Amino acid sequence: MNEELAELRRKKVFVLDMDGTFYLGNQLIPGALELIRHLKSQQKEPLFFTNNSSQSRAFYQQKIQRMGLAAVEVPVYTTGEVLAYYLHREHPGAKVYLVGTDSLAATMREEGIMLASQDAAADVVAVGFDTSLVYQKIEHACTMLRQGAAFIATNPDFNCPVENGFLPDCGSICAMLEAATGKKPLYLGKPYSPALEYLVAETGYQPAEMVIVGDRLYTDIAFGQKYGIMTVLVLSGETNRNDLQEKRNAVYQPDFVFPSLGELAAIL
């Protein structure tokens, strides 16, 4: 453990999840700001990477600024940007039917992605964490998938932790579409390779330099395990200690477990 802790302290880059890790809804998790300040004081690089595609990078920057963290201090990356990155690389010029928020749609347009209207044909159905979901979106997405459109999704998370519980996330929406059409989505966010490829391209850091810090076993911790990145699980969001003991989660064992970011800051 002492050797692992020494290795943790040597890492250069701390990739922090947001929902359930840095905050719950609009509530900052105790110790979160202290961790950022400590990392900065040690000339280490904290950055945020969230699977939550419901809002834009600018929204998250403003949110953490309201919580006491100047936006210029820590860069923010979302699966919205990963989606645009992937579409440009693998489906250049494609017409995309988006099941997502207005904010995600704005990000797609800013990135030069061509969005199809609700009554138009599409080459790709792209799904995000859509808090504006209505039945008509699901109906048209199913129609496009049955007609051969590619099925892409920002993230596999089933739930998004908030102050008073959980909200159905992108993975839950995709489960409904899969049940209706028999088609499986290609997920882009944590723990899948497009997320890592995007992070490496944007930051220049390699997996061996990184630590992944998050509250989910099947996204954050799995992401680190798949690509040789040290992992830290915090118990301030979706996962609790009982989850670590369940057989279905045996493969998702983090390198370190802390109640929250405050305890991580203390050990560093």
C-alpha atoms as a PDB file:
ATOM      1  CA  MET A   1       0.000   0.000   0.000  1.00  0.00           C
ATOM      2  CA  ASN A   2       2.860   2.401   0.791  1.00  0.00           C
ATOM      3  CA  GLU A   3       4.312   1.862  -2.685  1.00  0.00           C
ATOM      4  CA  GLU A   4       0.896   2.419  -4.298  1.00  0.00           C
ATOM      5  CA  LEU A   5       0.384   5.574  -2.255  1.00  0.00           C
ATOM      6  CA  ALA A   6       3.793   6.858  -3.285  1.00  0.00           C
ATOM      7  CA  GLU A   7       2.876   6.190  -6.916  1.00  0.00           C
ATOM      8  CA  LEU A   8      -0.427   8.037  -6.465  1.00  0.00           C
ATOM      9  CA  ARG A   9       1.438  11.040  -5.102  1.00  0.00           C
ATOM     10  CA  ARG A  10       3.782  11.021  -8.104  1.00  0.00           C
ATOM     11  CA  LYS A  11       0.989  11.215 -10.682  1.00  0.00           C
ATOM     12  CA  LYS A  12       0.818  14.421 -12.727  1.00  0.00           C
ATOM     13  CA  VAL A  13      -2.816  14.537 -13.847  1.00  0.00           C
ATOM     14  CA  PHE A  14      -6.009  13.965 -11.839  1.00  0.00           C
ATOM     15  CA  VAL A  15      -9.042  13.395 -14.072  1.00  0.00           C
ATOM     16  CA  LEU A  16     -12.052  14.192 -11.886  1.00  0.00           C
ATOM     17  CA  ASP A  17     -15.640  13.202 -12.482  1.00  0.00           C
ATOM     18  CA  MET A  18     -18.221  15.881 -11.599  1.00  0.00           C
ATOM     19  CA  ASP A  19     -21.707  14.518 -10.697  1.00  0.00           C
ATOM     20  CA  GLY A  20     -21.415  12.593  -7.432  1.00  0.00           C
ATOM     21  CA  THR A  21     -17.696  13.334  -7.149  1.00  0.00           C
ATOM     22  CA  PHE A  22     -17.205  17.102  -7.084  1.00  0.00           C
ATOM     23  CA  TYR A  23     -20.837  18.016  -6.436  1.00  0.00           C
ATOM     24  CA  LEU A  24     -24.350  16.623  -6.062  1.00  0.00           C
ATOM     25  CA  GLY A  25     -26.746  18.722  -8.125  1.00  0.00           C
ATOM     26  CA  ASN A  26     -25.961  22.267  -6.975  1.00  0.00           C
ATOM     27  CA  GLN A  27     -24.326  21.187  -3.734  1.00  0.00           C
ATOM     28  CA  LEU A  28     -20.538  21.152  -3.514  1.00  0.00           C
ATOM     29  CA  ILE A  29     -19.190  18.008  -1.834  1.00  0.00           C
ATOM     30  CA  PRO A  30     -17.130  18.854   1.279  1.00  0.00           C
ATOM     31  CA  GLY A  31     -13.377  18.850   0.643  1.00  0.00           C
ATOM     32  CA  ALA A  32     -13.709  19.209  -3.138  1.00  0.00           C
ATOM     33  CA  LEU A  33     -12.218  22.704  -3.350  1.00  0.00           C
ATOM     34  CA  GLU A  34      -9.462  21.747  -0.929  1.00  0.00           C
ATOM     35  CA  LEU A  35      -8.370  18.938  -3.242  1.00  0.00           C
ATOM     36  CA  ILE A  36      -8.132  21.287  -6.229  1.00  0.00           C
ATOM     37  CA  ARG A  37      -6.105  23.818  -4.247  1.00  0.00           C
ATOM     38  CA  HIS A  38      -3.781  21.125  -2.932  1.00  0.00           C
ATOM     39  CA  LEU A  39      -3.147  19.685  -6.391  1.00  0.00           C
ATOM     40  CA  LYS A  40      -2.425  23.149  -7.741  1.00  0.00           C
ATOM     41  CA  SER A  41      -0.022  23.865  -4.885  1.00  0.00           C
ATOM     42  CA  GLN A  42       1.878  20.681  -5.789  1.00  0.00           C
ATOM     43  CA  GLN A  43       2.112  21.692  -9.481  1.00  0.00           C
ATOM     44  CA  LYS A  44      -0.225  18.885 -10.477  1.00  0.00           C
ATOM     45  CA  GLU A  45      -2.920  19.182 -13.132  1.00  0.00           C
ATOM     46  CA  PRO A  46      -6.549  18.659 -12.109  1.00  0.00           C
ATOM     47  CA  LEU A  47      -9.116  18.493 -14.895  1.00  0.00           C
ATOM     48  CA  PHE A  48     -12.802  17.640 -15.068  1.00  0.00           C
ATOM     49  CA  PHE A  49     -14.188  15.030 -17.426  1.00  0.00           C
ATOM     50  CA  THR A  50     -17.887  14.275 -17.134  1.00  0.00           C
ATOM     51  CA  ASN A  51     -20.004  11.708 -18.936  1.00  0.00           C
ATOM     52  CA  ASN A  52     -22.941  14.088 -18.467  1.00  0.00           C
ATOM     53  CA  SER A  53     -23.758  15.513 -21.906  1.00  0.00           C
ATOM     54  CA  SER A  54     -26.902  17.396 -20.871  1.00  0.00           C
ATOM     55  CA  GLN A  55     -25.033  20.699 -20.540  1.00  0.00           C
ATOM     56  CA  SER A  56     -22.206  22.461 -22.364  1.00  0.00           C
ATOM     57  CA  ARG A  57     -18.615  22.932 -21.273  1.00  0.00           C
ATOM     58  CA  ALA A  58     -19.375  26.625 -20.670  1.00  0.00           C
ATOM     59  CA  PHE A  59     -22.292  25.713 -18.385  1.00  0.00           C
ATOM     60  CA  TYR A  60     -20.081  23.483 -16.230  1.00  0.00           C
ATOM     61  CA  GLN A  61     -17.357  26.124 -16.096  1.00  0.00           C
ATOM     62  CA  GLN A  62     -19.888  28.671 -14.844  1.00  0.00           C
ATOM     63  CA  LYS A  63     -21.295  26.156 -12.351  1.00  0.00           C
ATOM     64  CA  ILE A  64     -17.952  25.392 -10.720  1.00  0.00           C
ATOM     65  CA  GLN A  65     -17.150  29.098 -10.710  1.00  0.00           C
ATOM     66  CA  ARG A  66     -20.320  29.749  -8.676  1.00  0.00           C
ATOM     67  CA  MET A  67     -19.134  27.044  -6.284  1.00  0.00           C
ATOM     68  CA  GLY A  68     -15.901  28.904  -5.652  1.00  0.00           C
ATOM     69  CA  LEU A  69     -13.555  27.587  -8.328  1.00  0.00           C
ATOM     70  CA  ALA A  70     -12.409  30.053 -10.983  1.00  0.00           C
ATOM     71  CA  ALA A  71     -13.150  28.567 -14.391  1.00  0.00           C
ATOM     72  CA  VAL A  72      -9.653  29.299 -15.660  1.00  0.00           C
ATOM     73  CA  GLU A  73      -8.132  27.096 -12.947  1.00  0.00           C
ATOM     74  CA  VAL A  74      -9.371  23.716 -14.139  1.00  0.00           C
ATOM     75  CA  PRO A  75     -10.271  22.692 -17.703  1.00  0.00           C
ATOM     76  CA  VAL A  76     -13.605  20.945 -18.299  1.00  0.00           C
ATOM     77  CA  TYR A  77     -14.318  18.242 -20.869  1.00  0.00           C
ATOM     78  CA  THR A  78     -17.656  16.558 -21.592  1.00  0.00           C
ATOM     79  CA  THR A  79     -18.921  13.699 -23.707  1.00  0.00           C
ATOM     80  CA  GLY A  80     -20.618  16.308 -25.892  1.00  0.00           C
ATOM     81  CA  GLU A  81     -17.201  17.220 -27.279  1.00  0.00           C
ATOM     82  CA  VAL A  82     -16.292  13.527 -27.512  1.00  0.00           C
ATOM     83  CA  LEU A  83     -19.425  12.957 -29.612  1.00  0.00           C
ATOM     84  CA  ALA A  84     -18.507  15.741 -32.042  1.00  0.00           C
ATOM     85  CA  TYR A  85     -14.893  14.488 -32.199  1.00  0.00           C
ATOM     86  CA  TYR A  86     -16.057  10.966 -33.022  1.00  0.00           C
ATOM     87  CA  LEU A  87     -18.661  12.031 -35.591  1.00  0.00           C
ATOM     88  CA  HIS A  88     -16.125  14.138 -37.505  1.00  0.00           C
ATOM     89  CA  ARG A  89     -13.674  11.232 -37.533  1.00  0.00           C
ATOM     90  CA  GLU A  90     -15.985   8.283 -38.244  1.00  0.00           C
ATOM     91  CA  HIS A  91     -19.079   9.840 -39.886  1.00  0.00           C
ATOM     92  CA  PRO A  92     -17.883  13.003 -41.662  1.00  0.00           C
ATOM     93  CA  GLY A  93     -20.743  14.930 -43.254  1.00  0.00           C
ATOM     94  CA  ALA A  94     -23.398  12.639 -41.758  1.00  0.00           C
ATOM     95  CA  LYS A  95     -26.893  13.857 -40.933  1.00  0.00           C
ATOM     96  CA  VAL A  96     -27.405  13.219 -37.224  1.00  0.00           C
ATOM     97  CA  TYR A  97     -30.704  12.824 -35.403  1.00  0.00           C
ATOM     98  CA  LEU A  98     -29.975  13.905 -31.851  1.00  0.00           C
ATOM     99  CA  VAL A  99     -31.830  12.669 -28.779  1.00  0.00           C
ATOM    100  CA  GLY A 100     -30.419  15.289 -26.457  1.00  0.00           C
ATOM    101  CA  THR A 101     -30.920  18.639 -24.797  1.00  0.00           C
ATOM    102  CA  ASP A 102     -30.909  22.006 -26.533  1.00  0.00           C
ATOM    103  CA  SER A 103     -27.516  22.573 -24.939  1.00  0.00           C
ATOM    104  CA  LEU A 104     -26.069  19.442 -26.537  1.00  0.00           C
ATOM    105  CA  ALA A 105     -27.628  20.422 -29.868  1.00  0.00           C
ATOM    106  CA  ALA A 106     -25.932  23.829 -29.621  1.00  0.00           C
ATOM    107  CA  THR A 107     -22.595  22.128 -28.959  1.00  0.00           C
ATOM    108  CA  MET A 108     -23.079  19.946 -32.032  1.00  0.00           C
ATOM    109  CA  ARG A 109     -23.835  22.953 -34.234  1.00  0.00           C
ATOM    110  CA  GLU A 110     -20.852  24.869 -32.853  1.00  0.00           C
ATOM    111  CA  GLU A 111     -18.682  21.877 -33.735  1.00  0.00           C
ATOM    112  CA  GLY A 112     -20.050  21.788 -37.298  1.00  0.00           C
ATOM    113  CA  ILE A 113     -22.259  18.699 -36.970  1.00  0.00           C
ATOM    114  CA  MET A 114     -25.288  18.603 -39.302  1.00  0.00           C
ATOM    115  CA  LEU A 115     -28.433  17.877 -37.269  1.00  0.00           C
ATOM    116  CA  ALA A 116     -31.524  16.349 -38.870  1.00  0.00           C
ATOM    117  CA  SER A 117     -34.985  17.604 -37.925  1.00  0.00           C
ATOM    118  CA  GLN A 118     -37.602  15.356 -36.347  1.00  0.00           C
ATOM    119  CA  ASP A 119     -39.315  14.564 -39.637  1.00  0.00           C
ATOM    120  CA  ALA A 120     -36.150  14.099 -41.714  1.00  0.00           C
ATOM    121  CA  ALA A 121     -34.012  11.073 -42.509  1.00  0.00           C
ATOM    122  CA  ALA A 122     -30.709  10.643 -40.679  1.00  0.00           C
ATOM    123  CA  ASP A 123     -27.516   8.628 -41.106  1.00  0.00           C
ATOM    124  CA  VAL A 124     -26.820   8.515 -37.358  1.00  0.00           C
ATOM    125  CA  VAL A 125     -28.966   8.497 -34.230  1.00  0.00           C
ATOM    126  CA  ALA A 126     -26.936  10.069 -31.414  1.00  0.00           C
ATOM    127  CA  VAL A 127     -28.249   9.832 -27.845  1.00  0.00           C
ATOM    128  CA  GLY A 128     -27.203  11.848 -24.807  1.00  0.00           C
ATOM    129  CA  PHE A 129     -28.491  12.434 -21.280  1.00  0.00           C
ATOM    130  CA  ASP A 130     -31.710  14.077 -22.447  1.00  0.00           C
ATOM    131  CA  THR A 131     -33.589  15.852 -19.649  1.00  0.00           C
ATOM    132  CA  SER A 132     -36.009  17.218 -22.287  1.00  0.00           C
ATOM    133  CA  LEU A 133     -37.009  13.766 -23.552  1.00  0.00           C
ATOM    134  CA  VAL A 134     -40.461  13.425 -25.126  1.00  0.00           C
ATOM    135  CA  TYR A 135     -42.132  10.456 -26.796  1.00  0.00           C
ATOM    136  CA  GLN A 136     -41.810  11.924 -30.295  1.00  0.00           C
ATOM    137  CA  LYS A 137     -38.010  11.861 -30.021  1.00  0.00           C
ATOM    138  CA  ILE A 138     -38.049   8.181 -29.084  1.00  0.00           C
ATOM    139  CA  GLU A 139     -40.484   7.346 -31.884  1.00  0.00           C
ATOM    140  CA  HIS A 140     -38.376   9.029 -34.594  1.00  0.00           C
ATOM    141  CA  ALA A 141     -35.127   7.609 -33.222  1.00  0.00           C
ATOM    142  CA  CYS A 142     -36.606   4.099 -33.412  1.00  0.00           C
ATOM    143  CA  THR A 143     -37.768   4.718 -36.975  1.00  0.00           C
ATOM    144  CA  MET A 144     -34.304   5.872 -38.045  1.00  0.00           C
ATOM    145  CA  LEU A 145     -32.613   2.929 -36.324  1.00  0.00           C
ATOM    146  CA  ARG A 146     -34.945   0.463 -38.026  1.00  0.00           C
ATOM    147  CA  GLN A 147     -34.092   2.092 -41.367  1.00  0.00           C
ATOM    148  CA  GLY A 148     -30.384   1.494 -40.831  1.00  0.00           C
ATOM    149  CA  ALA A 149     -29.034   4.571 -39.055  1.00  0.00           C
ATOM    150  CA  ALA A 150     -25.934   4.061 -36.908  1.00  0.00           C
ATOM    151  CA  PHE A 151     -26.630   4.094 -33.146  1.00  0.00           C
ATOM    152  CA  ILE A 152     -24.192   6.162 -31.063  1.00  0.00           C
ATOM    153  CA  ALA A 153     -24.497   7.310 -27.447  1.00  0.00           C
ATOM    154  CA  THR A 154     -22.490   9.649 -25.272  1.00  0.00           C
ATOM    155  CA  ASN A 155     -22.345   7.508 -22.120  1.00  0.00           C
ATOM    156  CA  PRO A 156     -23.582   4.247 -20.582  1.00  0.00           C
ATOM    157  CA  ASP A 157     -24.549   5.666 -17.155  1.00  0.00           C
ATOM    158  CA  PHE A 158     -27.989   4.451 -16.081  1.00  0.00           C
ATOM    159  CA  ASN A 159     -28.448   7.110 -13.398  1.00  0.00           C
ATOM    160  CA  CYS A 160     -27.186  10.609 -12.621  1.00  0.00           C
ATOM    161  CA  PRO A 161     -26.782  11.326  -8.875  1.00  0.00           C
ATOM    162  CA  VAL A 162     -28.412  14.539  -7.562  1.00  0.00           C
ATOM    163  CA  GLU A 163     -29.099  15.969  -4.084  1.00  0.00           C
ATOM    164  CA  ASN A 164     -32.276  13.950  -3.479  1.00  0.00           C
ATOM    165  CA  GLY A 165     -31.552  10.734  -5.362  1.00  0.00           C
ATOM    166  CA  PHE A 166     -30.963   9.814  -9.007  1.00  0.00           C
ATOM    167  CA  LEU A 167     -32.197  10.804 -12.478  1.00  0.00           C
ATOM    168  CA  PRO A 168     -32.428   8.344 -15.404  1.00  0.00           C
ATOM    169  CA  ASP A 169     -29.352   8.938 -17.565  1.00  0.00           C
ATOM    170  CA  CYS A 170     -28.310   8.153 -21.127  1.00  0.00           C
ATOM    171  CA  GLY A 171     -27.878   4.419 -20.523  1.00  0.00           C
ATOM    172  CA  SER A 172     -31.505   4.139 -19.432  1.00  0.00           C
ATOM    173  CA  ILE A 173     -32.716   5.940 -22.558  1.00  0.00           C
ATOM    174  CA  CYS A 174     -30.590   3.669 -24.731  1.00  0.00           C
ATOM    175  CA  ALA A 175     -31.975   0.586 -22.968  1.00  0.00           C
ATOM    176  CA  MET A 176     -35.458   1.650 -24.076  1.00  0.00           C
ATOM    177  CA  LEU A 177     -34.315   2.184 -27.686  1.00  0.00           C
ATOM    178  CA  GLU A 178     -32.486  -1.144 -27.695  1.00  0.00           C
ATOM    179  CA  ALA A 179     -35.553  -2.954 -26.353  1.00  0.00           C
ATOM    180  CA  ALA A 180     -37.713  -1.421 -29.094  1.00  0.00           C
ATOM    181  CA  THR A 181     -35.342  -1.961 -32.046  1.00  0.00           C
ATOM    182  CA  GLY A 182     -32.933  -4.742 -31.084  1.00  0.00           C
ATOM    183  CA  LYS A 183     -30.019  -2.440 -31.918  1.00  0.00           C
ATOM    184  CA  LYS A 184     -27.168  -1.843 -29.486  1.00  0.00           C
ATOM    185  CA  PRO A 185     -25.515   1.574 -29.191  1.00  0.00           C
ATOM    186  CA  LEU A 186     -21.841   2.347 -29.545  1.00  0.00           C
ATOM    187  CA  TYR A 187     -20.954   4.232 -26.366  1.00  0.00           C
ATOM    188  CA  LEU A 188     -18.262   6.913 -26.491  1.00  0.00           C
ATOM    189  CA  GLY A 189     -17.753   8.145 -22.918  1.00  0.00           C
ATOM    190  CA  LYS A 190     -16.066   6.491 -19.942  1.00  0.00           C
ATOM    191  CA  PRO A 191     -15.126   3.608 -19.958  1.00  0.00           C
ATOM    192  CA  TYR A 192     -14.751   3.389 -23.744  1.00  0.00           C
ATOM    193  CA  SER A 193     -11.777   4.146 -25.973  1.00  0.00           C
ATOM    194  CA  PRO A 194     -13.136   7.262 -27.784  1.00  0.00           C
ATOM    195  CA  ALA A 195     -13.151   9.081 -24.417  1.00  0.00           C
ATOM    196  CA  LEU A 196      -9.496   8.236 -23.845  1.00  0.00           C
ATOM    197  CA  GLU A 197      -8.521   9.097 -27.411  1.00  0.00           C
ATOM    198  CA  TYR A 198     -10.206  12.473 -27.045  1.00  0.00           C
ATOM    199  CA  LEU A 199      -8.553  13.208 -23.694  1.00  0.00           C
ATOM    200  CA  VAL A 200      -5.097  12.304 -24.986  1.00  0.00           C
ATOM    201  CA  ALA A 201      -5.625  14.397 -28.132  1.00  0.00           C
ATOM    202  CA  GLU A 202      -6.879  17.412 -26.152  1.00  0.00           C
ATOM    203  CA  THR A 203      -4.444  17.352 -23.228  1.00  0.00           C
ATOM    204  CA  GLY A 204      -1.333  15.629 -24.520  1.00  0.00           C
ATOM    205  CA  TYR A 205      -1.159  13.452 -21.384  1.00  0.00           C
ATOM    206  CA  GLN A 206      -0.753   9.684 -21.586  1.00  0.00           C
ATOM    207  CA  PRO A 207      -2.639   7.109 -19.454  1.00  0.00           C
ATOM    208  CA  ALA A 208       0.424   6.330 -17.321  1.00  0.00           C
ATOM    209  CA  GLU A 209       0.471   9.964 -16.147  1.00  0.00           C
ATOM    210  CA  MET A 210      -3.189  10.028 -15.102  1.00  0.00           C
ATOM    211  CA  VAL A 211      -5.365   9.184 -12.110  1.00  0.00           C
ATOM    212  CA  ILE A 212      -9.105   8.695 -12.660  1.00  0.00           C
ATOM    213  CA  VAL A 213     -11.250   9.867  -9.729  1.00  0.00           C
ATOM    214  CA  GLY A 214     -14.983   9.098  -9.751  1.00  0.00           C
ATOM    215  CA  ASP A 215     -18.017   7.596  -8.036  1.00  0.00           C
ATOM    216  CA  ARG A 216     -19.025   4.856 -10.495  1.00  0.00           C
ATOM    217  CA  LEU A 217     -17.511   1.403 -10.777  1.00  0.00           C
ATOM    218  CA  TYR A 218     -18.703   0.586 -14.303  1.00  0.00           C
ATOM    219  CA  THR A 219     -17.613   3.898 -15.862  1.00  0.00           C
ATOM    220  CA  ASP A 220     -14.860   5.683 -13.915  1.00  0.00           C
ATOM    221  CA  ILE A 221     -13.129   2.660 -12.383  1.00  0.00           C
ATOM    222  CA  ALA A 222     -13.625   0.451 -15.444  1.00  0.00           C
ATOM    223  CA  PHE A 223     -12.137   3.245 -17.584  1.00  0.00           C
ATOM    224  CA  GLY A 224      -8.934   3.234 -15.569  1.00  0.00           C
ATOM    225  CA  GLN A 225      -8.677  -0.542 -15.457  1.00  0.00           C
ATOM    226  CA  LYS A 226      -9.128  -0.928 -19.215  1.00  0.00           C
ATOM    227  CA  TYR A 227      -6.375   1.524 -20.108  1.00  0.00           C
ATOM    228  CA  GLY A 228      -3.816   1.207 -17.326  1.00  0.00           C
ATOM    229  CA  ILE A 229      -4.828   4.333 -15.406  1.00  0.00           C
ATOM    230  CA  MET A 230      -4.657   4.448 -11.595  1.00  0.00           C
ATOM    231  CA  THR A 231      -8.162   4.640 -10.096  1.00  0.00           C
ATOM    232  CA  VAL A 232      -9.690   6.331  -7.055  1.00  0.00           C
ATOM    233  CA  LEU A 233     -13.287   5.616  -6.071  1.00  0.00           C
ATOM    234  CA  VAL A 234     -15.166   8.124  -3.912  1.00  0.00           C
ATOM    235  CA  LEU A 235     -18.312   7.070  -2.043  1.00  0.00           C
ATOM    236  CA  SER A 236     -20.065  10.439  -2.332  1.00  0.00           C
ATOM    237  CA  GLY A 237     -22.204   9.507  -5.349  1.00  0.00           C
ATOM    238  CA  GLU A 238     -23.626   6.333  -6.875  1.00  0.00           C
ATOM    239  CA  THR A 239     -21.405   3.657  -5.318  1.00  0.00           C
ATOM    240  CA  ASN A 240     -21.374   2.565  -1.681  1.00  0.00           C
ATOM    241  CA  ARG A 241     -19.154   0.069   0.164  1.00  0.00           C
ATOM    242  CA  ASN A 242     -21.696  -2.735  -0.214  1.00  0.00           C
ATOM    243  CA  ASP A 243     -21.464  -2.412  -3.992  1.00  0.00           C
ATOM    244  CA  LEU A 244     -17.770  -3.276  -3.808  1.00  0.00           C
ATOM    245  CA  GLN A 245     -18.622  -6.632  -2.188  1.00  0.00           C
ATOM    246  CA  GLU A 246     -21.182  -7.735  -4.780  1.00  0.00           C
ATOM    247  CA  LYS A 247     -20.045 -10.493  -7.146  1.00  0.00           C
ATOM    248  CA  ARG A 248     -21.188  -8.599 -10.223  1.00  0.00           C
ATOM    249  CA  ASN A 249     -18.765  -5.805  -9.319  1.00  0.00           C
ATOM    250  CA  ALA A 250     -15.781  -8.060  -8.544  1.00  0.00           C
ATOM    251  CA  VAL A 251     -13.992  -6.973 -11.704  1.00  0.00           C
ATOM    252  CA  TYR A 252     -14.323  -3.259 -10.836  1.00  0.00           C
ATOM    253  CA  GLN A 253     -11.963  -2.951  -7.875  1.00  0.00           C
ATOM    254  CA  PRO A 254     -10.336   0.500  -7.565  1.00  0.00           C
ATOM    255  CA  ASP A 255      -6.769   1.112  -6.435  1.00  0.00           C
ATOM    256  CA  PHE A 256      -8.019   3.426  -3.667  1.00  0.00           C
ATOM    257  CA  VAL A 257     -11.362   4.106  -1.972  1.00  0.00           C
ATOM    258  CA  PHE A 258     -12.168   7.313  -0.057  1.00  0.00           C
ATOM    259  CA  PRO A 259     -15.429   8.651   1.384  1.00  0.00           C
ATOM    260  CA  SER A 260     -15.011  11.858  -0.635  1.00  0.00           C
ATOM    261  CA  LEU A 261     -12.464  14.180  -2.246  1.00  0.00           C
ATOM    262  CA  GLY A 262     -11.692  15.707   1.130  1.00  0.00           C
ATOM    263  CA  GLU A 263     -10.122  12.471   2.369  1.00  0.00           C
ATOM    264  CA  LEU A 264      -8.181  12.130  -0.875  1.00  0.00           C
ATOM    265  CA  ALA A 265      -6.805  15.641  -0.366  1.00  0.00           C
ATOM    266  CA  ALA A 266      -5.753  14.733   3.181  1.00  0.00           C
ATOM    267  CA  ILE A 267      -3.850  11.585   2.105  1.00  0.00           C
ATOM    268  CA  LEU A 268      -2.053  13.439  -0.686  1.00  0.00           C
END
